[in-house]
Amino acid sequence: HAELIAIKGACENVQGWRLTGCTMYVTIEPCPMCAGAIIQ
């Protein structure tokens, strides 16, 4: 999914899994799987 691919890229950029201080912009409301990844 677009959200998971974006999260993976962001984690690679910050060299860690915590994306605090970040904002996600997504064209369609995230599904449960993607919402879970956003939370995590």
PDB file of all heavy atoms in Angstrom:
ATOM      1  N   HIS A   1       0.851  -1.188   0.000  1.00  0.00           N
ATOM      2  CA  HIS A   1       0.000   0.000   0.000  1.00  0.00           C
ATOM      3  C   HIS A   1       0.888   1.239   0.000  1.00  0.00           C
ATOM      4  O   HIS A   1       2.004   1.226   0.541  1.00  0.00           O
ATOM      5  CB  HIS A   1      -0.884   0.032   1.245  1.00  0.00           C
ATOM      6  CG  HIS A   1      -2.034  -0.910   1.202  1.00  0.00           C
ATOM      7  ND1 HIS A   1      -3.223  -0.635   1.823  1.00  0.00           N
ATOM      8  CD2 HIS A   1      -2.185  -2.123   0.629  1.00  0.00           C
ATOM      9  CE1 HIS A   1      -4.070  -1.639   1.630  1.00  0.00           C
ATOM     10  NE2 HIS A   1      -3.456  -2.550   0.912  1.00  0.00           N
ATOM     11  N   ALA A   2       0.390   2.327  -0.548  1.00  0.00           N
ATOM     12  CA  ALA A   2       1.136   3.583  -0.637  1.00  0.00           C
ATOM     13  C   ALA A   2       1.667   4.016   0.731  1.00  0.00           C
ATOM     14  O   ALA A   2       2.831   4.417   0.856  1.00  0.00           O
ATOM     15  CB  ALA A   2       0.233   4.670  -1.221  1.00  0.00           C
ATOM     16  N   GLU A   3       0.823   3.922   1.749  1.00  0.00           N
ATOM     17  CA  GLU A   3       1.215   4.378   3.083  1.00  0.00           C
ATOM     18  C   GLU A   3       2.387   3.569   3.632  1.00  0.00           C
ATOM     19  O   GLU A   3       3.321   4.120   4.217  1.00  0.00           O
ATOM     20  CB  GLU A   3       0.034   4.276   4.062  1.00  0.00           C
ATOM     21  CG  GLU A   3      -1.156   5.132   3.689  1.00  0.00           C
ATOM     22  CD  GLU A   3      -2.219   4.406   2.867  1.00  0.00           C
ATOM     23  OE1 GLU A   3      -1.866   3.535   2.053  1.00  0.00           O
ATOM     24  OE2 GLU A   3      -3.403   4.716   3.050  1.00  0.00           O
ATOM     25  N   LEU A   4       2.340   2.249   3.448  1.00  0.00           N
ATOM     26  CA  LEU A   4       3.405   1.395   3.984  1.00  0.00           C
ATOM     27  C   LEU A   4       4.716   1.629   3.247  1.00  0.00           C
ATOM     28  O   LEU A   4       5.790   1.612   3.858  1.00  0.00           O
ATOM     29  CB  LEU A   4       2.998  -0.070   3.913  1.00  0.00           C
ATOM     30  CG  LEU A   4       1.757  -0.455   4.725  1.00  0.00           C
ATOM     31  CD1 LEU A   4       1.514  -1.948   4.636  1.00  0.00           C
ATOM     32  CD2 LEU A   4       1.853  -0.004   6.165  1.00  0.00           C
ATOM     33  N   ILE A   5       4.642   1.853   1.949  1.00  0.00           N
ATOM     34  CA  ILE A   5       5.846   2.143   1.166  1.00  0.00           C
ATOM     35  C   ILE A   5       6.448   3.479   1.617  1.00  0.00           C
ATOM     36  O   ILE A   5       7.669   3.601   1.784  1.00  0.00           O
ATOM     37  CB  ILE A   5       5.519   2.130  -0.339  1.00  0.00           C
ATOM     38  CG1 ILE A   5       5.148   0.699  -0.764  1.00  0.00           C
ATOM     39  CG2 ILE A   5       6.684   2.676  -1.168  1.00  0.00           C
ATOM     40  CD1 ILE A   5       4.496   0.593  -2.119  1.00  0.00           C
ATOM     41  N   ALA A   6       5.593   4.470   1.849  1.00  0.00           N
ATOM     42  CA  ALA A   6       6.070   5.775   2.324  1.00  0.00           C
ATOM     43  C   ALA A   6       6.690   5.661   3.713  1.00  0.00           C
ATOM     44  O   ALA A   6       7.732   6.271   3.987  1.00  0.00           O
ATOM     45  CB  ALA A   6       4.923   6.782   2.318  1.00  0.00           C
ATOM     46  N   ILE A   7       6.069   4.872   4.588  1.00  0.00           N
ATOM     47  CA  ILE A   7       6.612   4.679   5.937  1.00  0.00           C
ATOM     48  C   ILE A   7       7.988   4.016   5.865  1.00  0.00           C
ATOM     49  O   ILE A   7       8.929   4.435   6.542  1.00  0.00           O
ATOM     50  CB  ILE A   7       5.645   3.857   6.824  1.00  0.00           C
ATOM     51  CG1 ILE A   7       4.417   4.708   7.190  1.00  0.00           C
ATOM     52  CG2 ILE A   7       6.341   3.334   8.081  1.00  0.00           C
ATOM     53  CD1 ILE A   7       3.288   3.942   7.853  1.00  0.00           C
ATOM     54  N   LYS A   8       8.107   2.999   5.043  1.00  0.00           N
ATOM     55  CA  LYS A   8       9.404   2.318   4.894  1.00  0.00           C
ATOM     56  C   LYS A   8      10.483   3.296   4.432  1.00  0.00           C
ATOM     57  O   LYS A   8      11.585   3.330   4.982  1.00  0.00           O
ATOM     58  CB  LYS A   8       9.265   1.153   3.924  1.00  0.00           C
ATOM     59  CG  LYS A   8      10.530   0.330   3.760  1.00  0.00           C
ATOM     60  CD  LYS A   8      10.270  -0.878   2.872  1.00  0.00           C
ATOM     61  CE  LYS A   8      11.533  -1.582   2.501  1.00  0.00           C
ATOM     62  NZ  LYS A   8      12.013  -2.528   3.420  1.00  0.00           N
ATOM     63  N   GLY A   9      10.169   4.111   3.433  1.00  0.00           N
ATOM     64  CA  GLY A   9      11.135   5.098   2.950  1.00  0.00           C
ATOM     65  C   GLY A   9      11.495   6.125   4.008  1.00  0.00           C
ATOM     66  O   GLY A   9      12.668   6.503   4.153  1.00  0.00           O
ATOM     67  N   ALA A  10      10.502   6.576   4.764  1.00  0.00           N
ATOM     68  CA  ALA A  10      10.760   7.557   5.820  1.00  0.00           C
ATOM     69  C   ALA A  10      11.643   6.961   6.915  1.00  0.00           C
ATOM     70  O   ALA A  10      12.570   7.625   7.398  1.00  0.00           O
ATOM     71  CB  ALA A  10       9.434   8.055   6.404  1.00  0.00           C
ATOM     72  N   CYS A  11      11.382   5.714   7.285  1.00  0.00           N
ATOM     73  CA  CYS A  11      12.197   5.053   8.305  1.00  0.00           C
ATOM     74  C   CYS A  11      13.645   4.912   7.836  1.00  0.00           C
ATOM     75  O   CYS A  11      14.583   5.104   8.626  1.00  0.00           O
ATOM     76  CB  CYS A  11      11.614   3.683   8.661  1.00  0.00           C
ATOM     77  SG  CYS A  11      10.080   3.766   9.600  1.00  0.00           S
ATOM     78  N   GLU A  12      13.817   4.600   6.562  1.00  0.00           N
ATOM     79  CA  GLU A  12      15.176   4.520   6.007  1.00  0.00           C
ATOM     80  C   GLU A  12      15.862   5.883   6.078  1.00  0.00           C
ATOM     81  O   GLU A  12      17.036   5.979   6.427  1.00  0.00           O
ATOM     82  CB  GLU A  12      15.136   4.003   4.572  1.00  0.00           C
ATOM     83  CG  GLU A  12      14.788   2.536   4.479  1.00  0.00           C
ATOM     84  CD  GLU A  12      14.504   2.045   3.061  1.00  0.00           C
ATOM     85  OE1 GLU A  12      14.628   2.841   2.094  1.00  0.00           O
ATOM     86  OE2 GLU A  12      14.154   0.857   2.931  1.00  0.00           O
ATOM     87  N   ASN A  13      15.111   6.943   5.788  1.00  0.00           N
ATOM     88  CA  ASN A  13      15.685   8.290   5.819  1.00  0.00           C
ATOM     89  C   ASN A  13      16.074   8.741   7.214  1.00  0.00           C
ATOM     90  O   ASN A  13      17.096   9.396   7.383  1.00  0.00           O
ATOM     91  CB  ASN A  13      14.724   9.305   5.204  1.00  0.00           C
ATOM     92  CG  ASN A  13      14.964   9.490   3.730  1.00  0.00           C
ATOM     93  OD1 ASN A  13      16.097   9.571   3.298  1.00  0.00           O
ATOM     94  ND2 ASN A  13      13.903   9.549   2.962  1.00  0.00           N
ATOM     95  N   VAL A  14      15.252   8.417   8.214  1.00  0.00           N
ATOM     96  CA  VAL A  14      15.585   8.844   9.584  1.00  0.00           C
ATOM     97  C   VAL A  14      16.423   7.793  10.313  1.00  0.00           C
ATOM     98  O   VAL A  14      16.837   8.008  11.442  1.00  0.00           O
ATOM     99  CB  VAL A  14      14.324   9.210  10.411  1.00  0.00           C
ATOM    100  CG1 VAL A  14      13.549  10.331   9.747  1.00  0.00           C
ATOM    101  CG2 VAL A  14      13.447   8.014  10.701  1.00  0.00           C
ATOM    102  N   GLN A  15      16.655   6.684   9.662  1.00  0.00           N
ATOM    103  CA  GLN A  15      17.443   5.579  10.210  1.00  0.00           C
ATOM    104  C   GLN A  15      16.877   5.076  11.536  1.00  0.00           C
ATOM    105  O   GLN A  15      17.600   4.870  12.504  1.00  0.00           O
ATOM    106  CB  GLN A  15      18.915   5.982  10.338  1.00  0.00           C
ATOM    107  CG  GLN A  15      19.530   6.311   8.996  1.00  0.00           C
ATOM    108  CD  GLN A  15      20.978   6.718   9.080  1.00  0.00           C
ATOM    109  OE1 GLN A  15      21.471   7.121  10.124  1.00  0.00           O
ATOM    110  NE2 GLN A  15      21.668   6.608   7.958  1.00  0.00           N
ATOM    111  N   GLY A  16      15.568   4.885  11.527  1.00  0.00           N
ATOM    112  CA  GLY A  16      14.895   4.358  12.705  1.00  0.00           C
ATOM    113  C   GLY A  16      13.419   4.200  12.423  1.00  0.00           C
ATOM    114  O   GLY A  16      12.915   4.672  11.411  1.00  0.00           O
ATOM    115  N   TRP A  17      12.724   3.545  13.339  1.00  0.00           N
ATOM    116  CA  TRP A  17      11.312   3.257  13.107  1.00  0.00           C
ATOM    117  C   TRP A  17      10.365   4.308  13.677  1.00  0.00           C
ATOM    118  O   TRP A  17       9.193   4.329  13.338  1.00  0.00           O
ATOM    119  CB  TRP A  17      10.948   1.878  13.658  1.00  0.00           C
ATOM    120  CG  TRP A  17      11.110   1.748  15.148  1.00  0.00           C
ATOM    121  CD1 TRP A  17      12.226   1.337  15.822  1.00  0.00           C
ATOM    122  CD2 TRP A  17      10.123   2.027  16.149  1.00  0.00           C
ATOM    123  NE1 TRP A  17      11.992   1.344  17.172  1.00  0.00           N
ATOM    124  CE2 TRP A  17      10.704   1.757  17.401  1.00  0.00           C
ATOM    125  CE3 TRP A  17       8.798   2.475  16.099  1.00  0.00           C
ATOM    126  CZ2 TRP A  17      10.028   1.920  18.604  1.00  0.00           C
ATOM    127  CZ3 TRP A  17       8.114   2.631  17.300  1.00  0.00           C
ATOM    128  CH2 TRP A  17       8.727   2.355  18.528  1.00  0.00           C
ATOM    129  N   ARG A  18      10.864   5.180  14.524  1.00  0.00           N
ATOM    130  CA  ARG A  18       9.999   6.192  15.131  1.00  0.00           C
ATOM    131  C   ARG A  18       9.917   7.416  14.228  1.00  0.00           C
ATOM    132  O   ARG A  18      10.920   8.063  13.958  1.00  0.00           O
ATOM    133  CB  ARG A  18      10.534   6.598  16.499  1.00  0.00           C
ATOM    134  CG  ARG A  18      10.350   5.550  17.543  1.00  0.00           C
ATOM    135  CD  ARG A  18      10.928   6.009  18.893  1.00  0.00           C
ATOM    136  NE  ARG A  18      10.890   4.943  19.860  1.00  0.00           N
ATOM    137  CZ  ARG A  18      11.849   4.035  20.010  1.00  0.00           C
ATOM    138  NH1 ARG A  18      12.933   4.062  19.242  1.00  0.00           N
ATOM    139  NH2 ARG A  18      11.732   3.085  20.921  1.00  0.00           N
ATOM    140  N   LEU A  19       8.693   7.729  13.790  1.00  0.00           N
ATOM    141  CA  LEU A  19       8.468   8.873  12.905  1.00  0.00           C
ATOM    142  C   LEU A  19       7.741   9.993  13.643  1.00  0.00           C
ATOM    143  O   LEU A  19       6.867  10.662  13.099  1.00  0.00           O
ATOM    144  CB  LEU A  19       7.704   8.427  11.656  1.00  0.00           C
ATOM    145  CG  LEU A  19       8.431   7.402  10.788  1.00  0.00           C
ATOM    146  CD1 LEU A  19       7.562   6.972   9.609  1.00  0.00           C
ATOM    147  CD2 LEU A  19       9.779   7.926  10.310  1.00  0.00           C
ATOM    148  N   THR A  20       8.122  10.211  14.903  1.00  0.00           N
ATOM    149  CA  THR A  20       7.536  11.315  15.659  1.00  0.00           C
ATOM    150  C   THR A  20       7.934  12.622  14.990  1.00  0.00           C
ATOM    151  O   THR A  20       9.005  12.739  14.399  1.00  0.00           O
ATOM    152  CB  THR A  20       8.008  11.293  17.132  1.00  0.00           C
ATOM    153  OG1 THR A  20       9.432  11.240  17.151  1.00  0.00           O
ATOM    154  CG2 THR A  20       7.445  10.104  17.878  1.00  0.00           C
ATOM    155  N   GLY A  21       7.046  13.587  15.059  1.00  0.00           N
ATOM    156  CA  GLY A  21       7.289  14.869  14.416  1.00  0.00           C
ATOM    157  C   GLY A  21       6.979  14.850  12.929  1.00  0.00           C
ATOM    158  O   GLY A  21       7.253  15.824  12.228  1.00  0.00           O
ATOM    159  N   CYS A  22       6.413  13.749  12.445  1.00  0.00           N
ATOM    160  CA  CYS A  22       6.131  13.604  11.016  1.00  0.00           C
ATOM    161  C   CYS A  22       4.638  13.731  10.717  1.00  0.00           C
ATOM    162  O   CYS A  22       3.802  13.459  11.574  1.00  0.00           O
ATOM    163  CB  CYS A  22       6.631  12.249  10.510  1.00  0.00           C
ATOM    164  SG  CYS A  22       8.423  12.097  10.539  1.00  0.00           S
ATOM    165  N   THR A  23       4.364  14.106   9.478  1.00  0.00           N
ATOM    166  CA  THR A  23       2.993  14.177   8.963  1.00  0.00           C
ATOM    167  C   THR A  23       2.912  13.326   7.713  1.00  0.00           C
ATOM    168  O   THR A  23       3.796  13.383   6.866  1.00  0.00           O
ATOM    169  CB  THR A  23       2.610  15.638   8.619  1.00  0.00           C
ATOM    170  OG1 THR A  23       2.703  16.435   9.798  1.00  0.00           O
ATOM    171  CG2 THR A  23       1.200  15.717   8.049  1.00  0.00           C
ATOM    172  N   MET A  24       1.841  12.542   7.610  1.00  0.00           N
ATOM    173  CA  MET A  24       1.562  11.782   6.391  1.00  0.00           C
ATOM    174  C   MET A  24       0.442  12.479   5.644  1.00  0.00           C
ATOM    175  O   MET A  24      -0.583  12.832   6.234  1.00  0.00           O
ATOM    176  CB  MET A  24       1.134  10.355   6.701  1.00  0.00           C
ATOM    177  CG  MET A  24       0.723   9.580   5.444  1.00  0.00           C
ATOM    178  SD  MET A  24       0.196   7.885   5.762  1.00  0.00           S
ATOM    179  CE  MET A  24       1.799   7.100   5.970  1.00  0.00           C
ATOM    180  N   TYR A  25       0.637  12.648   4.342  1.00  0.00           N
ATOM    181  CA  TYR A  25      -0.385  13.159   3.438  1.00  0.00           C
ATOM    182  C   TYR A  25      -0.750  12.006   2.527  1.00  0.00           C
ATOM    183  O   TYR A  25       0.118  11.444   1.859  1.00  0.00           O
ATOM    184  CB  TYR A  25       0.158  14.324   2.604  1.00  0.00           C
ATOM    185  CG  TYR A  25       0.568  15.498   3.455  1.00  0.00           C
ATOM    186  CD1 TYR A  25       1.839  15.546   4.035  1.00  0.00           C
ATOM    187  CD2 TYR A  25      -0.310  16.540   3.708  1.00  0.00           C
ATOM    188  CE1 TYR A  25       2.210  16.615   4.844  1.00  0.00           C
ATOM    189  CE2 TYR A  25       0.051  17.609   4.509  1.00  0.00           C
ATOM    190  CZ  TYR A  25       1.313  17.635   5.078  1.00  0.00           C
ATOM    191  OH  TYR A  25       1.671  18.691   5.881  1.00  0.00           O
ATOM    192  N   VAL A  26      -2.026  11.643   2.497  1.00  0.00           N
ATOM    193  CA  VAL A  26      -2.452  10.498   1.695  1.00  0.00           C
ATOM    194  C   VAL A  26      -3.765  10.838   1.001  1.00  0.00           C
ATOM    195  O   VAL A  26      -4.636  11.481   1.583  1.00  0.00           O
ATOM    196  CB  VAL A  26      -2.527   9.209   2.558  1.00  0.00           C
ATOM    197  CG1 VAL A  26      -3.488   9.362   3.710  1.00  0.00           C
ATOM    198  CG2 VAL A  26      -2.830   7.988   1.725  1.00  0.00           C
ATOM    199  N   THR A  27      -3.879  10.419  -0.243  1.00  0.00           N
ATOM    200  CA  THR A  27      -5.013  10.838  -1.063  1.00  0.00           C
ATOM    201  C   THR A  27      -6.338  10.241  -0.609  1.00  0.00           C
ATOM    202  O   THR A  27      -7.377  10.870  -0.760  1.00  0.00           O
ATOM    203  CB  THR A  27      -4.767  10.497  -2.546  1.00  0.00           C
ATOM    204  OG1 THR A  27      -4.478   9.107  -2.671  1.00  0.00           O
ATOM    205  CG2 THR A  27      -3.609  11.323  -3.098  1.00  0.00           C
ATOM    206  N   ILE A  28      -6.300   9.031  -0.065  1.00  0.00           N
ATOM    207  CA  ILE A  28      -7.516   8.350   0.389  1.00  0.00           C
ATOM    208  C   ILE A  28      -7.321   7.940   1.850  1.00  0.00           C
ATOM    209  O   ILE A  28      -6.225   7.548   2.255  1.00  0.00           O
ATOM    210  CB  ILE A  28      -7.797   7.091  -0.475  1.00  0.00           C
ATOM    211  CG1 ILE A  28      -7.912   7.463  -1.962  1.00  0.00           C
ATOM    212  CG2 ILE A  28      -9.045   6.349   0.004  1.00  0.00           C
ATOM    213  CD1 ILE A  28      -9.053   8.392  -2.331  1.00  0.00           C
ATOM    214  N   GLU A  29      -8.374   7.990   2.602  1.00  0.00           N
ATOM    215  CA  GLU A  29      -8.332   7.613   4.014  1.00  0.00           C
ATOM    216  C   GLU A  29      -7.690   6.234   4.199  1.00  0.00           C
ATOM    217  O   GLU A  29      -8.084   5.273   3.540  1.00  0.00           O
ATOM    218  CB  GLU A  29      -9.765   7.590   4.555  1.00  0.00           C
ATOM    219  CG  GLU A  29      -9.879   7.228   5.998  1.00  0.00           C
ATOM    220  CD  GLU A  29     -11.319   7.220   6.473  1.00  0.00           C
ATOM    221  OE1 GLU A  29     -12.240   7.452   5.642  1.00  0.00           O
ATOM    222  OE2 GLU A  29     -11.543   6.972   7.670  1.00  0.00           O
ATOM    223  N   PRO A  30      -6.695   6.136   5.072  1.00  0.00           N
ATOM    224  CA  PRO A  30      -6.020   4.847   5.286  1.00  0.00           C
ATOM    225  C   PRO A  30      -6.947   3.734   5.791  1.00  0.00           C
ATOM    226  O   PRO A  30      -7.885   3.973   6.551  1.00  0.00           O
ATOM    227  CB  PRO A  30      -4.954   5.183   6.333  1.00  0.00           C
ATOM    228  CG  PRO A  30      -4.651   6.635   6.092  1.00  0.00           C
ATOM    229  CD  PRO A  30      -6.012   7.232   5.752  1.00  0.00           C
ATOM    230  N   CYS A  31      -6.619   2.518   5.355  1.00  0.00           N
ATOM    231  CA  CYS A  31      -7.329   1.309   5.773  1.00  0.00           C
ATOM    232  C   CYS A  31      -6.825   0.887   7.160  1.00  0.00           C
ATOM    233  O   CYS A  31      -5.864   1.456   7.689  1.00  0.00           O
ATOM    234  CB  CYS A  31      -7.095   0.195   4.754  1.00  0.00           C
ATOM    235  SG  CYS A  31      -5.413  -0.479   4.801  1.00  0.00           S
ATOM    236  N   PRO A  32      -7.437  -0.139   7.769  1.00  0.00           N
ATOM    237  CA  PRO A  32      -6.991  -0.596   9.098  1.00  0.00           C
ATOM    238  C   PRO A  32      -5.518  -1.015   9.140  1.00  0.00           C
ATOM    239  O   PRO A  32      -4.819  -0.708  10.102  1.00  0.00           O
ATOM    240  CB  PRO A  32      -7.916  -1.774   9.403  1.00  0.00           C
ATOM    241  CG  PRO A  32      -9.149  -1.490   8.610  1.00  0.00           C
ATOM    242  CD  PRO A  32      -8.670  -0.826   7.350  1.00  0.00           C
ATOM    243  N   MET A  33      -5.049  -1.717   8.108  1.00  0.00           N
ATOM    244  CA  MET A  33      -3.650  -2.150   8.096  1.00  0.00           C
ATOM    245  C   MET A  33      -2.726  -0.936   8.119  1.00  0.00           C
ATOM    246  O   MET A  33      -1.761  -0.885   8.900  1.00  0.00           O
ATOM    247  CB  MET A  33      -3.368  -3.003   6.856  1.00  0.00           C
ATOM    248  CG  MET A  33      -1.913  -3.408   6.711  1.00  0.00           C
ATOM    249  SD  MET A  33      -1.599  -4.462   5.282  1.00  0.00           S
ATOM    250  CE  MET A  33      -1.889  -3.341   3.909  1.00  0.00           C
ATOM    251  N   CYS A  34      -3.002   0.039   7.276  1.00  0.00           N
ATOM    252  CA  CYS A  34      -2.155   1.223   7.198  1.00  0.00           C
ATOM    253  C   CYS A  34      -2.277   2.075   8.459  1.00  0.00           C
ATOM    254  O   CYS A  34      -1.286   2.629   8.942  1.00  0.00           O
ATOM    255  CB  CYS A  34      -2.486   2.025   5.951  1.00  0.00           C
ATOM    256  SG  CYS A  34      -2.035   1.123   4.441  1.00  0.00           S
ATOM    257  N   ALA A  35      -3.480   2.177   9.010  1.00  0.00           N
ATOM    258  CA  ALA A  35      -3.668   2.910  10.264  1.00  0.00           C
ATOM    259  C   ALA A  35      -2.846   2.267  11.373  1.00  0.00           C
ATOM    260  O   ALA A  35      -2.225   2.960  12.183  1.00  0.00           O
ATOM    261  CB  ALA A  35      -5.146   2.970  10.636  1.00  0.00           C
ATOM    262  N   GLY A  36      -2.806   0.947  11.393  1.00  0.00           N
ATOM    263  CA  GLY A  36      -1.978   0.250  12.385  1.00  0.00           C
ATOM    264  C   GLY A  36      -0.508   0.592  12.226  1.00  0.00           C
ATOM    265  O   GLY A  36       0.204   0.827  13.204  1.00  0.00           O
ATOM    266  N   ALA A  37      -0.037   0.642  10.996  1.00  0.00           N
ATOM    267  CA  ALA A  37       1.363   0.991  10.744  1.00  0.00           C
ATOM    268  C   ALA A  37       1.642   2.452  11.125  1.00  0.00           C
ATOM    269  O   ALA A  37       2.726   2.770  11.620  1.00  0.00           O
ATOM    270  CB  ALA A  37       1.704   0.748   9.276  1.00  0.00           C
ATOM    271  N   ILE A  38       0.672   3.331  10.904  1.00  0.00           N
ATOM    272  CA  ILE A  38       0.818   4.737  11.292  1.00  0.00           C
ATOM    273  C   ILE A  38       0.977   4.832  12.805  1.00  0.00           C
ATOM    274  O   ILE A  38       1.848   5.549  13.312  1.00  0.00           O
ATOM    275  CB  ILE A  38      -0.386   5.560  10.787  1.00  0.00           C
ATOM    276  CG1 ILE A  38      -0.323   5.691   9.257  1.00  0.00           C
ATOM    277  CG2 ILE A  38      -0.448   6.928  11.459  1.00  0.00           C
ATOM    278  CD1 ILE A  38      -1.619   6.140   8.608  1.00  0.00           C
ATOM    279  N   ILE A  39       0.151   4.090  13.527  1.00  0.00           N
ATOM    280  CA  ILE A  39       0.244   4.074  14.986  1.00  0.00           C
ATOM    281  C   ILE A  39       1.594   3.522  15.424  1.00  0.00           C
ATOM    282  O   ILE A  39       2.283   4.102  16.266  1.00  0.00           O
ATOM    283  CB  ILE A  39      -0.908   3.235  15.592  1.00  0.00           C
ATOM    284  CG1 ILE A  39      -2.249   3.913  15.353  1.00  0.00           C
ATOM    285  CG2 ILE A  39      -0.671   2.980  17.085  1.00  0.00           C
ATOM    286  CD1 ILE A  39      -3.454   3.008  15.530  1.00  0.00           C
ATOM    287  N   GLN A  40       1.991   2.386  14.853  1.00  0.00           N
ATOM    288  CA  GLN A  40       3.239   1.737  15.257  1.00  0.00           C
ATOM    289  C   GLN A  40       4.471   2.579  14.935  1.00  0.00           C
ATOM    290  O   GLN A  40       5.470   2.500  15.647  1.00  0.00           O
ATOM    291  CB  GLN A  40       3.358   0.355  14.617  1.00  0.00           C
ATOM    292  CG  GLN A  40       2.367  -0.650  15.165  1.00  0.00           C
ATOM    293  CD  GLN A  40       2.506  -0.841  16.672  1.00  0.00           C
ATOM    294  OE1 GLN A  40       3.595  -0.989  17.204  1.00  0.00           O
ATOM    295  NE2 GLN A  40       1.373  -0.830  17.359  1.00  0.00           N
TER     296      GLN A  40
END
